[in-house]
Amino acid sequence: MSKEAMQTRNETELGPLEVKVDGAVERAIGRLKRAMAREGILKEVKNRRYYEKPSVKAKRKQRDAERRRRRSLRTRPE
């Protein structure tokens, strides 16, 4: 999925995730796990396991944004 498509998707509107099974079920499970990781489903489930206060949620989002910003600066060609 492209970066633009990821940005336009709403976190609460995740649709069904389909994976084709071409013979080997183990490979299909691996593709499913990779697709779920790419979509952020596992992270979302982990975050929603317990209630998160709005102040804690805002701090986490700021921390994650800072981490993404630093990573982009580190990998950006100069």
Protein backbone atom coordinates (compact mmCIF):
# COMPACT_ATOMS: atom_id res chain seq x y z
CA MET A 1 0.00 0.00 0.00
CA SER A 2 1.37 3.40 -0.92
CA LYS A 3 2.28 6.05 1.62
CA GLU A 4 -0.52 8.35 0.40
CA ALA A 5 -3.10 5.61 0.80
CA MET A 6 -1.91 4.91 4.34
CA GLN A 7 -2.29 8.59 5.21
CA THR A 8 -5.82 8.82 3.83
CA ARG A 9 -7.11 5.72 5.62
CA ASN A 10 -8.94 6.41 8.83
CA GLU A 11 -7.77 4.25 11.75
CA THR A 12 -11.33 3.28 12.66
CA GLU A 13 -12.32 2.29 9.11
CA LEU A 14 -10.10 -0.70 8.44
CA GLY A 15 -11.74 -2.96 5.91
CA PRO A 16 -11.35 -6.70 5.51
CA LEU A 17 -7.85 -7.99 4.87
CA GLU A 18 -7.73 -10.70 2.21
CA VAL A 19 -4.85 -13.06 1.45
CA LYS A 20 -4.85 -15.60 -1.36
CA VAL A 21 -4.02 -19.18 -0.45
CA ASP A 22 -1.98 -20.64 -3.31
CA GLY A 23 -1.34 -24.16 -2.07
CA ALA A 24 0.90 -23.63 0.95
CA VAL A 25 -1.10 -22.53 3.97
CA GLU A 26 2.08 -21.60 5.88
CA ARG A 27 3.01 -19.06 3.21
CA ALA A 28 -0.49 -17.60 3.28
CA ILE A 29 -0.26 -17.22 7.06
CA GLY A 30 3.08 -15.45 6.62
CA ARG A 31 1.58 -13.12 4.00
CA LEU A 32 -1.34 -12.42 6.34
CA LYS A 33 1.01 -11.58 9.23
CA ARG A 34 3.07 -9.24 7.02
CA ALA A 35 -0.08 -7.55 5.72
CA MET A 36 -1.39 -7.10 9.27
CA ALA A 37 1.93 -5.59 10.37
CA ARG A 38 1.95 -3.28 7.34
CA GLU A 39 -1.61 -2.11 8.07
CA GLY A 40 -0.81 -1.58 11.75
CA ILE A 41 -3.52 -3.94 12.94
CA LEU A 42 -1.37 -5.68 15.55
CA LYS A 43 -0.20 -2.36 16.97
CA GLU A 44 -3.80 -1.12 17.11
CA VAL A 45 -4.95 -4.26 18.95
CA LYS A 46 -2.09 -3.88 21.42
CA ASN A 47 -2.96 -0.22 22.03
CA ARG A 48 -6.66 -0.94 22.54
CA ARG A 49 -6.08 -3.82 24.94
CA TYR A 50 -6.45 -1.39 27.86
CA TYR A 51 -8.02 2.04 28.18
CA GLU A 52 -5.60 4.85 27.53
CA LYS A 53 -6.29 8.25 29.08
CA PRO A 54 -6.44 11.09 26.55
CA SER A 55 -3.40 12.81 28.09
CA VAL A 56 -1.35 9.61 27.89
CA LYS A 57 -2.55 9.02 24.33
CA ALA A 58 -1.49 12.53 23.29
CA LYS A 59 1.95 12.08 24.85
CA ARG A 60 2.38 8.73 23.09
CA LYS A 61 1.40 10.25 19.75
CA GLN A 62 3.87 13.11 20.23
CA ARG A 63 6.63 10.64 21.16
CA ASP A 64 5.86 8.48 18.11
CA ALA A 65 5.81 11.53 15.81
CA GLU A 66 9.19 12.64 17.16
CA ARG A 67 10.58 9.15 16.60
CA ARG A 68 9.30 9.14 13.00
CA ARG A 69 10.76 12.62 12.43
CA ARG A 70 14.19 11.57 13.72
CA ARG A 71 14.11 8.41 11.62
CA SER A 72 13.25 10.39 8.49
CA LEU A 73 16.10 12.82 9.17
CA ARG A 74 18.50 9.92 9.64
CA THR A 75 17.51 8.17 6.40
CA ARG A 76 17.07 11.29 4.26
CA PRO A 77 19.73 11.69 1.56
CA GLU A 78 21.62 14.96 1.89
